[in-house]
């Protein structure tokens, strides 16, 4: 089984399955080798992508500049690079995901 993340020398890259227009921002678990993330913002004018970056920066207590959307700007499947983060730190704040 392929992981939903990969480690780099200075951070991690996450595969995200984004669900815009949700009632709240939350990580729902794994779906098809991606981390399913509900986002409150609609998928118009980049609002959902901006909300996704903001959500992860708050969740991991990192500056927004450390969370970069690498691919999937117009897709529900996204790649998110998080500088200064490890998978252990992600697991600490997201106890409901099984890695």
PDB file of N, CA and C in Angstrom:
ATOM      1  N   UNK A   1       0.839  -1.198   0.000  1.00  0.00           N
ATOM      2  CA  UNK A   1       0.000   0.000   0.000  1.00  0.00           C
ATOM      3  C   UNK A   1       0.876   1.251   0.000  1.00  0.00           C
ATOM      4  N   UNK A   2       0.540   2.171  -0.842  1.00  0.00           N
ATOM      5  CA  UNK A   2       1.279   3.414  -0.956  1.00  0.00           C
ATOM      6  C   UNK A   2       0.877   4.352   0.183  1.00  0.00           C
ATOM      7  N   UNK A   3       1.856   5.087   0.734  1.00  0.00           N
ATOM      8  CA  UNK A   3       1.574   6.025   1.816  1.00  0.00           C
ATOM      9  C   UNK A   3       0.945   7.311   1.286  1.00  0.00           C
ATOM     10  N   UNK A   4       0.247   7.984   2.170  1.00  0.00           N
ATOM     11  CA  UNK A   4      -0.351   9.273   1.830  1.00  0.00           C
ATOM     12  C   UNK A   4       0.650  10.406   2.037  1.00  0.00           C
ATOM     13  N   UNK A   5       1.856  10.069   2.473  1.00  0.00           N
ATOM     14  CA  UNK A   5       2.876  11.082   2.722  1.00  0.00           C
ATOM     15  C   UNK A   5       4.239  10.568   2.273  1.00  0.00           C
ATOM     16  N   UNK A   6       5.149  11.507   2.085  1.00  0.00           N
ATOM     17  CA  UNK A   6       6.554  11.168   1.891  1.00  0.00           C
ATOM     18  C   UNK A   6       7.377  12.199   2.649  1.00  0.00           C
ATOM     19  N   UNK A   7       8.476  11.740   3.194  1.00  0.00           N
ATOM     20  CA  UNK A   7       9.348  12.625   3.968  1.00  0.00           C
ATOM     21  C   UNK A   7      10.420  13.206   3.062  1.00  0.00           C
ATOM     22  N   UNK A   8      10.773  14.458   3.327  1.00  0.00           N
ATOM     23  CA  UNK A   8      11.892  15.106   2.647  1.00  0.00           C
ATOM     24  C   UNK A   8      12.914  15.471   3.718  1.00  0.00           C
ATOM     25  N   UNK A   9      14.030  16.041   3.325  1.00  0.00           N
ATOM     26  CA  UNK A   9      15.065  16.394   4.300  1.00  0.00           C
ATOM     27  C   UNK A   9      14.602  17.489   5.263  1.00  0.00           C
ATOM     28  N   UNK A  10      13.625  18.301   4.846  1.00  0.00           N
ATOM     29  CA  UNK A  10      13.202  19.408   5.713  1.00  0.00           C
ATOM     30  C   UNK A  10      11.683  19.510   5.891  1.00  0.00           C
ATOM     31  N   UNK A  11      10.950  18.424   5.611  1.00  0.00           N
ATOM     32  CA  UNK A  11       9.502  18.473   5.794  1.00  0.00           C
ATOM     33  C   UNK A  11       8.827  17.217   5.276  1.00  0.00           C
ATOM     34  N   UNK A  12       7.535  17.332   5.008  1.00  0.00           N
ATOM     35  CA  UNK A  12       6.772  16.211   4.461  1.00  0.00           C
ATOM     36  C   UNK A  12       5.893  16.697   3.311  1.00  0.00           C
ATOM     37  N   UNK A  13       5.557  15.770   2.437  1.00  0.00           N
ATOM     38  CA  UNK A  13       4.618  16.036   1.348  1.00  0.00           C
ATOM     39  C   UNK A  13       3.414  15.136   1.585  1.00  0.00           C
ATOM     40  N   UNK A  14       2.238  15.741   1.655  1.00  0.00           N
ATOM     41  CA  UNK A  14       1.005  14.996   1.906  1.00  0.00           C
ATOM     42  C   UNK A  14       0.168  14.922   0.646  1.00  0.00           C
ATOM     43  N   UNK A  15      -0.454  13.774   0.417  1.00  0.00           N
ATOM     44  CA  UNK A  15      -1.480  13.638  -0.618  1.00  0.00           C
ATOM     45  C   UNK A  15      -2.806  13.918   0.069  1.00  0.00           C
ATOM     46  N   UNK A  16      -3.536  14.872  -0.439  1.00  0.00           N
ATOM     47  CA  UNK A  16      -4.785  15.332   0.174  1.00  0.00           C
ATOM     48  C   UNK A  16      -5.946  15.091  -0.769  1.00  0.00           C
ATOM     49  N   UNK A  17      -7.040  14.591  -0.229  1.00  0.00           N
ATOM     50  CA  UNK A  17      -8.328  14.526  -0.940  1.00  0.00           C
ATOM     51  C   UNK A  17      -9.200  15.579  -0.270  1.00  0.00           C
ATOM     52  N   UNK A  18      -9.355  16.712  -0.915  1.00  0.00           N
ATOM     53  CA  UNK A  18     -10.074  17.842  -0.330  1.00  0.00           C
ATOM     54  C   UNK A  18     -11.573  17.734  -0.589  1.00  0.00           C
ATOM     55  N   UNK A  19     -12.351  18.081   0.429  1.00  0.00           N
ATOM     56  CA  UNK A  19     -13.809  18.106   0.321  1.00  0.00           C
ATOM     57  C   UNK A  19     -14.259  19.526   0.705  1.00  0.00           C
ATOM     58  N   UNK A  20     -14.439  20.403  -0.290  1.00  0.00           N
ATOM     59  CA  UNK A  20     -14.841  21.778   0.003  1.00  0.00           C
ATOM     60  C   UNK A  20     -16.317  21.879   0.400  1.00  0.00           C
ATOM     61  N   UNK A  21     -16.719  23.057   0.849  1.00  0.00           N
ATOM     62  CA  UNK A  21     -18.102  23.345   1.254  1.00  0.00           C
ATOM     63  C   UNK A  21     -18.572  22.471   2.408  1.00  0.00           C
ATOM     64  N   UNK A  22     -17.683  22.129   3.313  1.00  0.00           N
ATOM     65  CA  UNK A  22     -18.048  21.311   4.470  1.00  0.00           C
ATOM     66  C   UNK A  22     -18.477  22.204   5.623  1.00  0.00           C
ATOM     67  N   UNK A  23     -19.074  21.608   6.637  1.00  0.00           N
ATOM     68  CA  UNK A  23     -19.550  22.397   7.773  1.00  0.00           C
ATOM     69  C   UNK A  23     -18.407  22.882   8.655  1.00  0.00           C
ATOM     70  N   UNK A  24     -17.268  22.162   8.630  1.00  0.00           N
ATOM     71  CA  UNK A  24     -16.104  22.594   9.409  1.00  0.00           C
ATOM     72  C   UNK A  24     -14.838  22.029   8.779  1.00  0.00           C
ATOM     73  N   UNK A  25     -13.704  22.597   9.178  1.00  0.00           N
ATOM     74  CA  UNK A  25     -12.414  22.085   8.728  1.00  0.00           C
ATOM     75  C   UNK A  25     -12.026  20.920   9.622  1.00  0.00           C
ATOM     76  N   UNK A  26     -11.735  19.776   9.015  1.00  0.00           N
ATOM     77  CA  UNK A  26     -11.309  18.629   9.811  1.00  0.00           C
ATOM     78  C   UNK A  26     -10.649  17.578   8.945  1.00  0.00           C
ATOM     79  N   UNK A  27      -9.756  16.802   9.583  1.00  0.00           N
ATOM     80  CA  UNK A  27      -9.143  15.657   8.937  1.00  0.00           C
ATOM     81  C   UNK A  27     -10.022  14.459   9.246  1.00  0.00           C
ATOM     82  N   UNK A  28     -10.452  13.764   8.204  1.00  0.00           N
ATOM     83  CA  UNK A  28     -11.413  12.670   8.365  1.00  0.00           C
ATOM     84  C   UNK A  28     -10.766  11.288   8.379  1.00  0.00           C
ATOM     85  N   UNK A  29      -9.523  11.175   7.966  1.00  0.00           N
ATOM     86  CA  UNK A  29      -8.858   9.883   7.902  1.00  0.00           C
ATOM     87  C   UNK A  29      -8.308   9.640   6.513  1.00  0.00           C
ATOM     88  N   UNK A  30      -8.060   8.379   6.200  1.00  0.00           N
ATOM     89  CA  UNK A  30      -7.466   8.029   4.917  1.00  0.00           C
ATOM     90  C   UNK A  30      -8.517   7.546   3.933  1.00  0.00           C
ATOM     91  N   UNK A  31      -8.347   7.925   2.667  1.00  0.00           N
ATOM     92  CA  UNK A  31      -9.236   7.502   1.595  1.00  0.00           C
ATOM     93  C   UNK A  31      -8.393   7.345   0.335  1.00  0.00           C
ATOM     94  N   UNK A  32      -8.295   6.116  -0.167  1.00  0.00           N
ATOM     95  CA  UNK A  32      -7.544   5.842  -1.402  1.00  0.00           C
ATOM     96  C   UNK A  32      -6.123   6.411  -1.364  1.00  0.00           C
ATOM     97  N   UNK A  33      -5.374   6.100  -0.330  1.00  0.00           N
ATOM     98  CA  UNK A  33      -3.978   6.542  -0.174  1.00  0.00           C
ATOM     99  C   UNK A  33      -3.815   8.055  -0.152  1.00  0.00           C
ATOM    100  N   UNK A  34      -4.825   8.744   0.338  1.00  0.00           N
ATOM    101  CA  UNK A  34      -4.756  10.193   0.514  1.00  0.00           C
ATOM    102  C   UNK A  34      -5.418  10.533   1.846  1.00  0.00           C
ATOM    103  N   UNK A  35      -5.032  11.655   2.395  1.00  0.00           N
ATOM    104  CA  UNK A  35      -5.620  12.132   3.641  1.00  0.00           C
ATOM    105  C   UNK A  35      -6.872  12.937   3.288  1.00  0.00           C
ATOM    106  N   UNK A  36      -8.036  12.466   3.722  1.00  0.00           N
ATOM    107  CA  UNK A  36      -9.295  13.154   3.422  1.00  0.00           C
ATOM    108  C   UNK A  36      -9.446  14.323   4.393  1.00  0.00           C
ATOM    109  N   UNK A  37      -9.585  15.522   3.832  1.00  0.00           N
ATOM    110  CA  UNK A  37      -9.676  16.740   4.635  1.00  0.00           C
ATOM    111  C   UNK A  37     -10.897  17.532   4.205  1.00  0.00           C
ATOM    112  N   UNK A  38     -11.797  17.785   5.151  1.00  0.00           N
ATOM    113  CA  UNK A  38     -12.964  18.629   4.884  1.00  0.00           C
ATOM    114  C   UNK A  38     -12.563  20.087   5.096  1.00  0.00           C
ATOM    115  N   UNK A  39     -13.011  20.941   4.176  1.00  0.00           N
ATOM    116  CA  UNK A  39     -12.687  22.364   4.217  1.00  0.00           C
ATOM    117  C   UNK A  39     -13.989  23.165   4.108  1.00  0.00           C
ATOM    118  N   UNK A  40     -14.131  24.170   4.980  1.00  0.00           N
ATOM    119  CA  UNK A  40     -15.347  24.990   4.997  1.00  0.00           C
ATOM    120  C   UNK A  40     -15.522  25.818   3.731  1.00  0.00           C
ATOM    121  N   UNK A  41     -14.439  26.300   3.187  1.00  0.00           N
ATOM    122  CA  UNK A  41     -14.506  27.235   2.063  1.00  0.00           C
ATOM    123  C   UNK A  41     -14.972  26.550   0.775  1.00  0.00           C
ATOM    124  N   UNK A  42     -15.629  27.314  -0.093  1.00  0.00           N
ATOM    125  CA  UNK A  42     -16.046  26.754  -1.387  1.00  0.00           C
ATOM    126  C   UNK A  42     -14.866  26.650  -2.347  1.00  0.00           C
ATOM    127  N   UNK A  43     -15.010  25.820  -3.351  1.00  0.00           N
ATOM    128  CA  UNK A  43     -13.954  25.613  -4.345  1.00  0.00           C
ATOM    129  C   UNK A  43     -14.069  26.636  -5.474  1.00  0.00           C
ATOM    130  N   UNK A  44     -14.075  27.905  -5.110  1.00  0.00           N
ATOM    131  CA  UNK A  44     -14.113  28.979  -6.107  1.00  0.00           C
ATOM    132  C   UNK A  44     -13.035  30.006  -5.762  1.00  0.00           C
ATOM    133  N   UNK A  45     -12.438  30.572  -6.804  1.00  0.00           N
ATOM    134  CA  UNK A  45     -11.440  31.637  -6.651  1.00  0.00           C
ATOM    135  C   UNK A  45     -10.345  31.285  -5.641  1.00  0.00           C
ATOM    136  N   UNK A  46      -9.924  30.024  -5.620  1.00  0.00           N
ATOM    137  CA  UNK A  46      -8.813  29.568  -4.779  1.00  0.00           C
ATOM    138  C   UNK A  46      -9.110  29.598  -3.281  1.00  0.00           C
ATOM    139  N   UNK A  47     -10.360  29.839  -2.893  1.00  0.00           N
ATOM    140  CA  UNK A  47     -10.703  29.961  -1.472  1.00  0.00           C
ATOM    141  C   UNK A  47     -10.463  28.663  -0.703  1.00  0.00           C
ATOM    142  N   UNK A  48     -10.809  27.521  -1.271  1.00  0.00           N
ATOM    143  CA  UNK A  48     -10.612  26.239  -0.581  1.00  0.00           C
ATOM    144  C   UNK A  48      -9.114  25.954  -0.397  1.00  0.00           C
ATOM    145  N   UNK A  49      -8.314  26.263  -1.405  1.00  0.00           N
ATOM    146  CA  UNK A  49      -6.870  26.055  -1.282  1.00  0.00           C
ATOM    147  C   UNK A  49      -6.273  26.939  -0.195  1.00  0.00           C
ATOM    148  N   UNK A  50      -6.689  28.193  -0.143  1.00  0.00           N
ATOM    149  CA  UNK A  50      -6.208  29.112   0.889  1.00  0.00           C
ATOM    150  C   UNK A  50      -6.624  28.628   2.277  1.00  0.00           C
ATOM    151  N   UNK A  51      -7.849  28.150   2.397  1.00  0.00           N
ATOM    152  CA  UNK A  51      -8.348  27.637   3.674  1.00  0.00           C
ATOM    153  C   UNK A  51      -7.591  26.377   4.091  1.00  0.00           C
ATOM    154  N   UNK A  52      -7.244  25.526   3.132  1.00  0.00           N
ATOM    155  CA  UNK A  52      -6.477  24.312   3.409  1.00  0.00           C
ATOM    156  C   UNK A  52      -5.098  24.661   3.975  1.00  0.00           C
ATOM    157  N   UNK A  53      -4.425  25.619   3.362  1.00  0.00           N
ATOM    158  CA  UNK A  53      -3.111  26.069   3.842  1.00  0.00           C
ATOM    159  C   UNK A  53      -3.238  26.655   5.251  1.00  0.00           C
ATOM    160  N   UNK A  54      -4.232  27.496   5.449  1.00  0.00           N
ATOM    161  CA  UNK A  54      -4.465  28.112   6.757  1.00  0.00           C
ATOM    162  C   UNK A  54      -4.766  27.049   7.821  1.00  0.00           C
ATOM    163  N   UNK A  55      -5.584  26.071   7.472  1.00  0.00           N
ATOM    164  CA  UNK A  55      -5.957  25.000   8.399  1.00  0.00           C
ATOM    165  C   UNK A  55      -4.725  24.221   8.865  1.00  0.00           C
ATOM    166  N   UNK A  56      -3.877  23.797   7.929  1.00  0.00           N
ATOM    167  CA  UNK A  56      -2.688  23.026   8.310  1.00  0.00           C
ATOM    168  C   UNK A  56      -1.670  23.873   9.067  1.00  0.00           C
ATOM    169  N   UNK A  57      -1.541  25.145   8.726  1.00  0.00           N
ATOM    170  CA  UNK A  57      -0.590  25.985   9.461  1.00  0.00           C
ATOM    171  C   UNK A  57      -1.043  26.181  10.910  1.00  0.00           C
ATOM    172  N   UNK A  58      -2.346  26.355  11.120  1.00  0.00           N
ATOM    173  CA  UNK A  58      -2.873  26.473  12.490  1.00  0.00           C
ATOM    174  C   UNK A  58      -2.756  25.155  13.248  1.00  0.00           C
ATOM    175  N   UNK A  59      -3.130  24.065  12.590  1.00  0.00           N
ATOM    176  CA  UNK A  59      -3.113  22.748  13.198  1.00  0.00           C
ATOM    177  C   UNK A  59      -1.709  22.373  13.680  1.00  0.00           C
ATOM    178  N   UNK A  60      -0.711  22.678  12.863  1.00  0.00           N
ATOM    179  CA  UNK A  60       0.667  22.295  13.175  1.00  0.00           C
ATOM    180  C   UNK A  60       1.466  23.420  13.822  1.00  0.00           C
ATOM    181  N   UNK A  61       0.801  24.559  14.070  1.00  0.00           N
ATOM    182  CA  UNK A  61       1.446  25.721  14.690  1.00  0.00           C
ATOM    183  C   UNK A  61       2.698  26.145  13.915  1.00  0.00           C
ATOM    184  N   UNK A  62       2.512  26.282  12.604  1.00  0.00           N
ATOM    185  CA  UNK A  62       3.580  26.708  11.708  1.00  0.00           C
ATOM    186  C   UNK A  62       3.120  27.949  10.950  1.00  0.00           C
ATOM    187  N   UNK A  63       4.056  28.780  10.484  1.00  0.00           N
ATOM    188  CA  UNK A  63       3.631  29.932   9.663  1.00  0.00           C
ATOM    189  C   UNK A  63       3.024  29.455   8.344  1.00  0.00           C
ATOM    190  N   UNK A  64       2.096  30.262   7.803  1.00  0.00           N
ATOM    191  CA  UNK A  64       1.450  29.892   6.540  1.00  0.00           C
ATOM    192  C   UNK A  64       2.464  29.718   5.417  1.00  0.00           C
ATOM    193  N   UNK A  65       3.590  30.422   5.507  1.00  0.00           N
ATOM    194  CA  UNK A  65       4.619  30.305   4.476  1.00  0.00           C
ATOM    195  C   UNK A  65       5.292  28.934   4.472  1.00  0.00           C
ATOM    196  N   UNK A  66       5.100  28.145   5.531  1.00  0.00           N
ATOM    197  CA  UNK A  66       5.679  26.794   5.602  1.00  0.00           C
ATOM    198  C   UNK A  66       4.780  25.742   4.969  1.00  0.00           C
ATOM    199  N   UNK A  67       3.560  26.119   4.602  1.00  0.00           N
ATOM    200  CA  UNK A  67       2.603  25.182   4.004  1.00  0.00           C
ATOM    201  C   UNK A  67       2.360  25.615   2.557  1.00  0.00           C
ATOM    202  N   UNK A  68       2.789  24.768   1.619  1.00  0.00           N
ATOM    203  CA  UNK A  68       2.767  25.150   0.201  1.00  0.00           C
ATOM    204  C   UNK A  68       1.981  24.123  -0.609  1.00  0.00           C
ATOM    205  N   UNK A  69       1.025  24.609  -1.376  1.00  0.00           N
ATOM    206  CA  UNK A  69       0.281  23.745  -2.296  1.00  0.00           C
ATOM    207  C   UNK A  69       1.175  23.481  -3.502  1.00  0.00           C
ATOM    208  N   UNK A  70       1.623  22.218  -3.638  1.00  0.00           N
ATOM    209  CA  UNK A  70       2.562  21.861  -4.714  1.00  0.00           C
ATOM    210  C   UNK A  70       1.833  21.527  -6.014  1.00  0.00           C
ATOM    211  N   UNK A  71       0.674  20.860  -5.909  1.00  0.00           N
ATOM    212  CA  UNK A  71      -0.080  20.507  -7.117  1.00  0.00           C
ATOM    213  C   UNK A  71      -1.540  20.302  -6.763  1.00  0.00           C
ATOM    214  N   UNK A  72      -2.384  20.316  -7.773  1.00  0.00           N
ATOM    215  CA  UNK A  72      -3.805  20.079  -7.574  1.00  0.00           C
ATOM    216  C   UNK A  72      -4.610  21.323  -7.291  1.00  0.00           C
ATOM    217  N   UNK A  73      -4.164  22.456  -7.768  1.00  0.00           N
ATOM    218  CA  UNK A  73      -4.861  23.713  -7.517  1.00  0.00           C
ATOM    219  C   UNK A  73      -6.324  23.706  -7.924  1.00  0.00           C
ATOM    220  N   UNK A  74      -6.656  22.991  -8.990  1.00  0.00           N
ATOM    221  CA  UNK A  74      -8.043  22.956  -9.461  1.00  0.00           C
ATOM    222  C   UNK A  74      -8.644  21.559  -9.344  1.00  0.00           C
ATOM    223  N   UNK A  75      -8.001  20.703  -8.575  1.00  0.00           N
ATOM    224  CA  UNK A  75      -8.450  19.323  -8.411  1.00  0.00           C
ATOM    225  C   UNK A  75      -8.767  19.046  -6.941  1.00  0.00           C
ATOM    226  N   UNK A  76      -9.552  18.014  -6.679  1.00  0.00           N
ATOM    227  CA  UNK A  76      -9.795  17.601  -5.297  1.00  0.00           C
ATOM    228  C   UNK A  76      -8.598  16.850  -4.738  1.00  0.00           C
ATOM    229  N   UNK A  77      -7.779  16.254  -5.629  1.00  0.00           N
ATOM    230  CA  UNK A  77      -6.552  15.577  -5.202  1.00  0.00           C
ATOM    231  C   UNK A  77      -5.415  16.581  -5.240  1.00  0.00           C
ATOM    232  N   UNK A  78      -4.790  16.801  -4.096  1.00  0.00           N
ATOM    233  CA  UNK A  78      -3.768  17.829  -3.971  1.00  0.00           C
ATOM    234  C   UNK A  78      -2.501  17.263  -3.358  1.00  0.00           C
ATOM    235  N   UNK A  79      -1.420  17.971  -3.563  1.00  0.00           N
ATOM    236  CA  UNK A  79      -0.147  17.646  -2.936  1.00  0.00           C
ATOM    237  C   UNK A  79       0.262  18.873  -2.135  1.00  0.00           C
ATOM    238  N   UNK A  80       0.504  18.670  -0.840  1.00  0.00           N
ATOM    239  CA  UNK A  80       0.799  19.766   0.071  1.00  0.00           C
ATOM    240  C   UNK A  80       2.165  19.529   0.694  1.00  0.00           C
ATOM    241  N   UNK A  81       3.075  20.486   0.538  1.00  0.00           N
ATOM    242  CA  UNK A  81       4.396  20.401   1.156  1.00  0.00           C
ATOM    243  C   UNK A  81       4.357  21.197   2.453  1.00  0.00           C
ATOM    244  N   UNK A  82       4.810  20.569   3.549  1.00  0.00           N
ATOM    245  CA  UNK A  82       4.824  21.245   4.848  1.00  0.00           C
ATOM    246  C   UNK A  82       6.253  21.246   5.360  1.00  0.00           C
ATOM    247  N   UNK A  83       6.863  22.414   5.296  1.00  0.00           N
ATOM    248  CA  UNK A  83       8.247  22.579   5.726  1.00  0.00           C
ATOM    249  C   UNK A  83       8.326  22.593   7.250  1.00  0.00           C
ATOM    250  N   UNK A  84       9.325  21.915   7.795  1.00  0.00           N
ATOM    251  CA  UNK A  84       9.532  21.908   9.237  1.00  0.00           C
ATOM    252  C   UNK A  84       8.598  20.975   9.980  1.00  0.00           C
ATOM    253  N   UNK A  85       7.991  20.034   9.279  1.00  0.00           N
ATOM    254  CA  UNK A  85       7.051  19.098   9.903  1.00  0.00           C
ATOM    255  C   UNK A  85       7.539  17.677   9.672  1.00  0.00           C
ATOM    256  N   UNK A  86       7.238  16.814  10.617  1.00  0.00           N
ATOM    257  CA  UNK A  86       7.525  15.384  10.466  1.00  0.00           C
ATOM    258  C   UNK A  86       6.202  14.630  10.546  1.00  0.00           C
ATOM    259  N   UNK A  87       6.209  13.378  10.127  1.00  0.00           N
ATOM    260  CA  UNK A  87       4.983  12.583  10.206  1.00  0.00           C
ATOM    261  C   UNK A  87       4.613  12.352  11.672  1.00  0.00           C
ATOM    262  N   UNK A  88       5.605  12.284  12.556  1.00  0.00           N
ATOM    263  CA  UNK A  88       5.312  12.125  13.985  1.00  0.00           C
ATOM    264  C   UNK A  88       4.575  13.341  14.534  1.00  0.00           C
ATOM    265  N   UNK A  89       4.981  14.534  14.109  1.00  0.00           N
ATOM    266  CA  UNK A  89       4.287  15.751  14.553  1.00  0.00           C
ATOM    267  C   UNK A  89       2.846  15.769  14.033  1.00  0.00           C
ATOM    268  N   UNK A  90       2.675  15.323  12.788  1.00  0.00           N
ATOM    269  CA  UNK A  90       1.323  15.254  12.223  1.00  0.00           C
ATOM    270  C   UNK A  90       0.464  14.257  13.012  1.00  0.00           C
ATOM    271  N   UNK A  91       1.040  13.097  13.334  1.00  0.00           N
ATOM    272  CA  UNK A  91       0.300  12.086  14.105  1.00  0.00           C
ATOM    273  C   UNK A  91      -0.051  12.614  15.497  1.00  0.00           C
ATOM    274  N   UNK A  92       0.826  13.413  16.087  1.00  0.00           N
ATOM    275  CA  UNK A  92       0.553  13.966  17.418  1.00  0.00           C
ATOM    276  C   UNK A  92      -0.689  14.850  17.424  1.00  0.00           C
ATOM    277  N   UNK A  93      -0.871  15.643  16.377  1.00  0.00           N
ATOM    278  CA  UNK A  93      -2.022  16.549  16.336  1.00  0.00           C
ATOM    279  C   UNK A  93      -3.258  15.900  15.710  1.00  0.00           C
ATOM    280  N   UNK A  94      -3.084  14.783  15.023  1.00  0.00           N
ATOM    281  CA  UNK A  94      -4.189  14.096  14.360  1.00  0.00           C
ATOM    282  C   UNK A  94      -4.242  12.660  14.853  1.00  0.00           C
ATOM    283  N   UNK A  95      -4.607  12.447  16.065  1.00  0.00           N
ATOM    284  CA  UNK A  95      -4.620  11.116  16.638  1.00  0.00           C
ATOM    285  C   UNK A  95      -5.541  10.146  15.927  1.00  0.00           C
ATOM    286  N   UNK A  96      -6.469  10.648  15.105  1.00  0.00           N
ATOM    287  CA  UNK A  96      -7.448   9.771  14.475  1.00  0.00           C
ATOM    288  C   UNK A  96      -6.978   9.166  13.175  1.00  0.00           C
ATOM    289  N   UNK A  97      -5.751   9.478  12.713  1.00  0.00           N
ATOM    290  CA  UNK A  97      -5.274   8.874  11.472  1.00  0.00           C
ATOM    291  C   UNK A  97      -4.327   7.729  11.796  1.00  0.00           C
ATOM    292  N   UNK A  98      -4.451   6.673  11.067  1.00  0.00           N
ATOM    293  CA  UNK A  98      -3.623   5.496  11.262  1.00  0.00           C
ATOM    294  C   UNK A  98      -2.549   5.477  10.184  1.00  0.00           C
ATOM    295  N   UNK A  99      -1.319   5.729  10.590  1.00  0.00           N
ATOM    296  CA  UNK A  99      -0.232   5.838   9.614  1.00  0.00           C
ATOM    297  C   UNK A  99       0.638   4.610   9.620  1.00  0.00           C
TER     298      UNK A  99
END
